[in-house]
Amino acid sequence: ITNTVLCLIKYLTTTNTTFILDTDKNEFSLVELFLYNISEFHINRLNNETKEQKKYYPVFWSKTKSYTTPHIHTHIDHCDYEKLIYLSEDNAPTWTTITYFTDNNNTPTLLTDITRHMCNNNKFNHKLNKKLLLVLPRILRHFGFTGGTHLHGEGYLDNTGEIERQTLVLTLWETPPLMSPIF
């Protein structure tokens, strides 16, 4: 599956495309099944935690980046199209997952407990902001977090040479982002 997903990652990165996964079909390709299993695991877990059956729309894309200089990038997930057209960041995913397809110790994902509300009100130094988690890339390491509400990102922490970071990102939305085609 790794080689098949690497081809998908290359296509998604090259075309800068985001797709909605069609979870209502009866048959899946190998890549679709991989993405479907990730989304179903998290949908079932979220529905069990909230004790209600919500419909979620799995949306996925890939990010491949080569780093050559120290760099840290942080953001909160939202629908890019809605921000561009309507200047709104209201539509955001409920859950974000990342699966790595590279091994390295120099480009971790950074997870914080800083919320969108704290960012909008410039409360970065609030006494409750005490958590920073670094997740180091390992091939097929998979994890999830509340990317639509919490500040997160990636960093390149070394300047000893070029390092590539390949990820497959899958998010779960209650309202799908605008302008994303179905895969």
C-alpha atoms as a PDB file:
ATOM      1  CA  ILE A   1       0.000   0.000   0.000  1.00  0.00           C
ATOM      2  CA  THR A   2       2.879   2.380   0.723  1.00  0.00           C
ATOM      3  CA  ASN A   3       3.919   2.711  -2.955  1.00  0.00           C
ATOM      4  CA  THR A   4       0.307   3.239  -4.053  1.00  0.00           C
ATOM      5  CA  VAL A   5      -0.205   5.947  -1.433  1.00  0.00           C
ATOM      6  CA  LEU A   6       3.126   7.564  -2.386  1.00  0.00           C
ATOM      7  CA  CYS A   7       1.818   7.893  -5.968  1.00  0.00           C
ATOM      8  CA  LEU A   8      -1.363   9.486  -4.584  1.00  0.00           C
ATOM      9  CA  ILE A   9       0.721  11.822  -2.415  1.00  0.00           C
ATOM     10  CA  LYS A  10       2.754  12.888  -5.457  1.00  0.00           C
ATOM     11  CA  TYR A  11      -0.417  13.537  -7.469  1.00  0.00           C
ATOM     12  CA  LEU A  12      -2.153  15.459  -4.668  1.00  0.00           C
ATOM     13  CA  THR A  13       0.946  17.536  -3.953  1.00  0.00           C
ATOM     14  CA  THR A  14       1.633  18.294  -7.625  1.00  0.00           C
ATOM     15  CA  THR A  15      -1.959  19.314  -8.363  1.00  0.00           C
ATOM     16  CA  ASN A  16      -2.594  20.905  -4.934  1.00  0.00           C
ATOM     17  CA  THR A  17      -5.921  19.063  -4.849  1.00  0.00           C
ATOM     18  CA  THR A  18      -8.218  18.356  -1.917  1.00  0.00           C
ATOM     19  CA  PHE A  19     -10.830  15.601  -2.292  1.00  0.00           C
ATOM     20  CA  ILE A  20     -13.915  14.480  -0.402  1.00  0.00           C
ATOM     21  CA  LEU A  21     -13.864  10.709   0.086  1.00  0.00           C
ATOM     22  CA  ASP A  22     -17.049   9.037  -1.144  1.00  0.00           C
ATOM     23  CA  THR A  23     -17.942   6.788   1.804  1.00  0.00           C
ATOM     24  CA  ASP A  24     -21.329   5.745   0.391  1.00  0.00           C
ATOM     25  CA  LYS A  25     -20.020   3.445  -2.329  1.00  0.00           C
ATOM     26  CA  ASN A  26     -19.872  -0.336  -2.044  1.00  0.00           C
ATOM     27  CA  GLU A  27     -16.436  -0.962  -3.538  1.00  0.00           C
ATOM     28  CA  PHE A  28     -13.170   0.837  -2.896  1.00  0.00           C
ATOM     29  CA  SER A  29      -9.755   0.905  -4.478  1.00  0.00           C
ATOM     30  CA  LEU A  30      -6.853   0.058  -2.178  1.00  0.00           C
ATOM     31  CA  VAL A  31      -6.114   3.751  -1.504  1.00  0.00           C
ATOM     32  CA  GLU A  32      -9.795   4.515  -0.903  1.00  0.00           C
ATOM     33  CA  LEU A  33     -10.020   1.589   1.527  1.00  0.00           C
ATOM     34  CA  PHE A  34      -6.963   2.878   3.407  1.00  0.00           C
ATOM     35  CA  LEU A  35      -8.568   6.335   3.721  1.00  0.00           C
ATOM     36  CA  TYR A  36     -11.999   4.864   4.461  1.00  0.00           C
ATOM     37  CA  ASN A  37     -10.636   2.763   7.339  1.00  0.00           C
ATOM     38  CA  ILE A  38      -8.925   5.797   8.867  1.00  0.00           C
ATOM     39  CA  SER A  39     -12.085   7.900   8.576  1.00  0.00           C
ATOM     40  CA  GLU A  40     -14.421   5.176   9.893  1.00  0.00           C
ATOM     41  CA  PHE A  41     -12.194   4.550  12.903  1.00  0.00           C
ATOM     42  CA  HIS A  42     -12.320   8.218  13.892  1.00  0.00           C
ATOM     43  CA  ILE A  43     -16.009   8.705  12.982  1.00  0.00           C
ATOM     44  CA  ASN A  44     -17.002   5.750  15.168  1.00  0.00           C
ATOM     45  CA  ARG A  45     -14.820   7.012  18.013  1.00  0.00           C
ATOM     46  CA  LEU A  46     -16.223  10.566  17.793  1.00  0.00           C
ATOM     47  CA  ASN A  47     -19.825   9.314  17.631  1.00  0.00           C
ATOM     48  CA  ASN A  48     -19.239   7.006  20.605  1.00  0.00           C
ATOM     49  CA  GLU A  49     -17.778   9.887  22.642  1.00  0.00           C
ATOM     50  CA  THR A  50     -20.635  12.276  21.846  1.00  0.00           C
ATOM     51  CA  LYS A  51     -23.318   9.548  22.055  1.00  0.00           C
ATOM     52  CA  GLU A  52     -24.944  10.817  18.859  1.00  0.00           C
ATOM     53  CA  GLN A  53     -24.702   9.670  15.260  1.00  0.00           C
ATOM     54  CA  LYS A  54     -23.402  12.583  13.192  1.00  0.00           C
ATOM     55  CA  LYS A  55     -22.624  12.496   9.500  1.00  0.00           C
ATOM     56  CA  TYR A  56     -19.009  13.410   8.800  1.00  0.00           C
ATOM     57  CA  TYR A  57     -17.393  14.087   5.447  1.00  0.00           C
ATOM     58  CA  PRO A  58     -13.813  12.809   5.149  1.00  0.00           C
ATOM     59  CA  VAL A  59     -11.649  15.232   3.188  1.00  0.00           C
ATOM     60  CA  PHE A  60      -8.036  14.473   2.297  1.00  0.00           C
ATOM     61  CA  TRP A  61      -4.986  16.027   0.733  1.00  0.00           C
ATOM     62  CA  SER A  62      -1.261  15.576   0.843  1.00  0.00           C
ATOM     63  CA  LYS A  63       1.604  17.771   1.783  1.00  0.00           C
ATOM     64  CA  THR A  64       5.169  17.188   0.680  1.00  0.00           C
ATOM     65  CA  LYS A  65       7.691  19.777   1.668  1.00  0.00           C
ATOM     66  CA  SER A  66      11.464  19.936   1.487  1.00  0.00           C
ATOM     67  CA  TYR A  67      13.172  21.970   4.172  1.00  0.00           C
ATOM     68  CA  THR A  68      16.648  23.476   3.902  1.00  0.00           C
ATOM     69  CA  THR A  69      16.491  26.244   6.521  1.00  0.00           C
ATOM     70  CA  PRO A  70      15.015  26.305  10.030  1.00  0.00           C
ATOM     71  CA  HIS A  71      11.302  26.985   9.716  1.00  0.00           C
ATOM     72  CA  ILE A  72       8.189  26.785  11.890  1.00  0.00           C
ATOM     73  CA  HIS A  73       4.693  27.114  10.434  1.00  0.00           C
ATOM     74  CA  THR A  74       1.502  27.093  12.525  1.00  0.00           C
ATOM     75  CA  HIS A  75      -2.170  27.471  11.646  1.00  0.00           C
ATOM     76  CA  ILE A  76      -5.709  26.401  12.526  1.00  0.00           C
ATOM     77  CA  ASP A  77      -7.562  24.347   9.902  1.00  0.00           C
ATOM     78  CA  HIS A  78     -10.467  25.956   8.021  1.00  0.00           C
ATOM     79  CA  CYS A  79     -11.959  25.954   4.523  1.00  0.00           C
ATOM     80  CA  ASP A  80      -9.430  27.866   2.395  1.00  0.00           C
ATOM     81  CA  TYR A  81     -12.003  28.649  -0.305  1.00  0.00           C
ATOM     82  CA  GLU A  82     -14.451  30.179   2.179  1.00  0.00           C
ATOM     83  CA  LYS A  83     -11.651  32.277   3.673  1.00  0.00           C
ATOM     84  CA  LEU A  84     -10.621  33.492   0.224  1.00  0.00           C
ATOM     85  CA  ILE A  85     -14.130  34.250  -1.083  1.00  0.00           C
ATOM     86  CA  TYR A  86     -16.156  35.024   2.054  1.00  0.00           C
ATOM     87  CA  LEU A  87     -13.358  36.060   4.468  1.00  0.00           C
ATOM     88  CA  SER A  88     -14.722  33.484   6.912  1.00  0.00           C
ATOM     89  CA  GLU A  89     -12.986  30.760   8.897  1.00  0.00           C
ATOM     90  CA  ASP A  90     -16.220  29.458  10.417  1.00  0.00           C
ATOM     91  CA  ASN A  91     -16.297  26.158   8.523  1.00  0.00           C
ATOM     92  CA  ALA A  92     -13.554  24.037  10.051  1.00  0.00           C
ATOM     93  CA  PRO A  93     -13.033  20.309  10.469  1.00  0.00           C
ATOM     94  CA  THR A  94     -14.062  18.546  13.645  1.00  0.00           C
ATOM     95  CA  TRP A  95     -11.028  16.267  13.551  1.00  0.00           C
ATOM     96  CA  THR A  96      -7.693  16.235  11.721  1.00  0.00           C
ATOM     97  CA  THR A  97      -5.451  13.216  11.163  1.00  0.00           C
ATOM     98  CA  ILE A  98      -1.956  12.983   9.746  1.00  0.00           C
ATOM     99  CA  THR A  99      -0.216   9.874   8.449  1.00  0.00           C
ATOM    100  CA  TYR A 100       3.509  10.154   7.760  1.00  0.00           C
ATOM    101  CA  PHE A 101       5.284   8.611   4.783  1.00  0.00           C
ATOM    102  CA  THR A 102       8.808   9.668   5.769  1.00  0.00           C
ATOM    103  CA  ASP A 103      11.103   8.968   8.710  1.00  0.00           C
ATOM    104  CA  ASN A 104      13.078  11.794  10.306  1.00  0.00           C
ATOM    105  CA  ASN A 105      13.656  13.526  13.615  1.00  0.00           C
ATOM    106  CA  ASN A 106      13.914  17.057  12.268  1.00  0.00           C
ATOM    107  CA  THR A 107      10.405  17.929  10.997  1.00  0.00           C
ATOM    108  CA  PRO A 108       7.900  17.203  13.770  1.00  0.00           C
ATOM    109  CA  THR A 109       4.265  18.165  13.822  1.00  0.00           C
ATOM    110  CA  LEU A 110       3.648  20.730  16.569  1.00  0.00           C
ATOM    111  CA  LEU A 111       0.406  20.456  18.560  1.00  0.00           C
ATOM    112  CA  THR A 112      -0.654  23.115  21.078  1.00  0.00           C
ATOM    113  CA  ASP A 113      -3.578  23.780  23.388  1.00  0.00           C
ATOM    114  CA  ILE A 114      -3.972  27.303  21.940  1.00  0.00           C
ATOM    115  CA  THR A 115      -7.503  27.643  20.551  1.00  0.00           C
ATOM    116  CA  ARG A 116      -8.939  29.746  17.735  1.00  0.00           C
ATOM    117  CA  HIS A 117     -10.605  31.944  20.375  1.00  0.00           C
ATOM    118  CA  MET A 118      -7.243  32.577  22.074  1.00  0.00           C
ATOM    119  CA  CYS A 119      -5.670  33.480  18.711  1.00  0.00           C
ATOM    120  CA  ASN A 120      -8.513  35.849  17.803  1.00  0.00           C
ATOM    121  CA  ASN A 121      -8.215  37.601  21.191  1.00  0.00           C
ATOM    122  CA  ASN A 122      -4.375  37.674  21.301  1.00  0.00           C
ATOM    123  CA  LYS A 123      -4.196  35.488  24.411  1.00  0.00           C
ATOM    124  CA  PHE A 124      -1.086  33.545  23.379  1.00  0.00           C
ATOM    125  CA  ASN A 125       0.587  34.144  26.730  1.00  0.00           C
ATOM    126  CA  HIS A 126      -2.411  33.032  28.727  1.00  0.00           C
ATOM    127  CA  LYS A 127      -1.411  30.994  31.773  1.00  0.00           C
ATOM    128  CA  LEU A 128      -3.353  27.970  30.472  1.00  0.00           C
ATOM    129  CA  ASN A 129      -1.169  27.645  27.354  1.00  0.00           C
ATOM    130  CA  LYS A 130       1.306  25.207  28.804  1.00  0.00           C
ATOM    131  CA  LYS A 131       1.227  22.334  26.326  1.00  0.00           C
ATOM    132  CA  LEU A 132       3.329  21.713  23.260  1.00  0.00           C
ATOM    133  CA  LEU A 133       3.509  18.243  21.774  1.00  0.00           C
ATOM    134  CA  LEU A 134       6.006  17.283  19.068  1.00  0.00           C
ATOM    135  CA  VAL A 135       5.151  14.253  16.917  1.00  0.00           C
ATOM    136  CA  LEU A 136       8.186  12.955  15.040  1.00  0.00           C
ATOM    137  CA  PRO A 137       7.679  11.479  11.555  1.00  0.00           C
ATOM    138  CA  ARG A 138       7.848   7.694  11.258  1.00  0.00           C
ATOM    139  CA  ILE A 139       6.577   5.886   8.184  1.00  0.00           C
ATOM    140  CA  LEU A 140       2.861   5.055   8.679  1.00  0.00           C
ATOM    141  CA  ARG A 141       2.698   6.796  12.080  1.00  0.00           C
ATOM    142  CA  HIS A 142      -0.859   8.061  12.328  1.00  0.00           C
ATOM    143  CA  PHE A 143      -2.386  10.431  14.860  1.00  0.00           C
ATOM    144  CA  GLY A 144      -5.375  12.738  15.212  1.00  0.00           C
ATOM    145  CA  PHE A 145      -6.213  16.024  16.937  1.00  0.00           C
ATOM    146  CA  THR A 146      -8.706  18.909  16.912  1.00  0.00           C
ATOM    147  CA  GLY A 147      -7.091  20.837  14.073  1.00  0.00           C
ATOM    148  CA  GLY A 148     -10.172  22.967  13.419  1.00  0.00           C
ATOM    149  CA  THR A 149      -9.977  24.532  16.871  1.00  0.00           C
ATOM    150  CA  HIS A 150      -6.323  24.278  17.975  1.00  0.00           C
ATOM    151  CA  LEU A 151      -3.122  25.850  16.680  1.00  0.00           C
ATOM    152  CA  HIS A 152      -0.780  23.281  15.134  1.00  0.00           C
ATOM    153  CA  GLY A 153       1.811  23.037  12.389  1.00  0.00           C
ATOM    154  CA  GLU A 154       5.231  21.724  11.489  1.00  0.00           C
ATOM    155  CA  GLY A 155       8.754  22.764  12.106  1.00  0.00           C
ATOM    156  CA  TYR A 156      12.153  22.124  10.612  1.00  0.00           C
ATOM    157  CA  LEU A 157      14.469  22.118  13.569  1.00  0.00           C
ATOM    158  CA  ASP A 158      17.862  21.530  11.977  1.00  0.00           C
ATOM    159  CA  ASN A 159      19.909  23.194   9.259  1.00  0.00           C
ATOM    160  CA  THR A 160      22.295  20.380   8.361  1.00  0.00           C
ATOM    161  CA  GLY A 161      20.828  19.688   4.915  1.00  0.00           C
ATOM    162  CA  GLU A 162      17.670  19.176   2.930  1.00  0.00           C
ATOM    163  CA  ILE A 163      14.973  17.044   4.556  1.00  0.00           C
ATOM    164  CA  GLU A 164      11.722  15.956   2.942  1.00  0.00           C
ATOM    165  CA  ARG A 165       8.468  15.517   4.851  1.00  0.00           C
ATOM    166  CA  GLN A 166       5.582  13.613   3.224  1.00  0.00           C
ATOM    167  CA  THR A 167       2.177  13.429   4.875  1.00  0.00           C
ATOM    168  CA  LEU A 168      -1.342  12.387   4.016  1.00  0.00           C
ATOM    169  CA  VAL A 169      -3.878  14.544   5.853  1.00  0.00           C
ATOM    170  CA  LEU A 170      -7.472  13.430   6.381  1.00  0.00           C
ATOM    171  CA  THR A 171      -9.995  15.686   8.103  1.00  0.00           C
ATOM    172  CA  LEU A 172     -13.584  15.052   9.195  1.00  0.00           C
ATOM    173  CA  TRP A 173     -16.118  17.812   8.502  1.00  0.00           C
ATOM    174  CA  GLU A 174     -19.763  18.149   9.563  1.00  0.00           C
ATOM    175  CA  THR A 175     -20.240  20.531   6.617  1.00  0.00           C
ATOM    176  CA  PRO A 176     -17.903  19.709   3.728  1.00  0.00           C
ATOM    177  CA  PRO A 177     -15.596  22.467   2.525  1.00  0.00           C
ATOM    178  CA  LEU A 178     -16.688  24.288  -0.598  1.00  0.00           C
ATOM    179  CA  MET A 179     -15.252  23.444  -3.996  1.00  0.00           C
ATOM    180  CA  SER A 180     -13.748  20.061  -3.056  1.00  0.00           C
ATOM    181  CA  PRO A 181     -14.444  17.385  -5.676  1.00  0.00           C
ATOM    182  CA  ILE A 182     -15.440  13.845  -4.717  1.00  0.00           C
ATOM    183  CA  PHE A 183     -12.641  11.298  -5.151  1.00  0.00           C
END
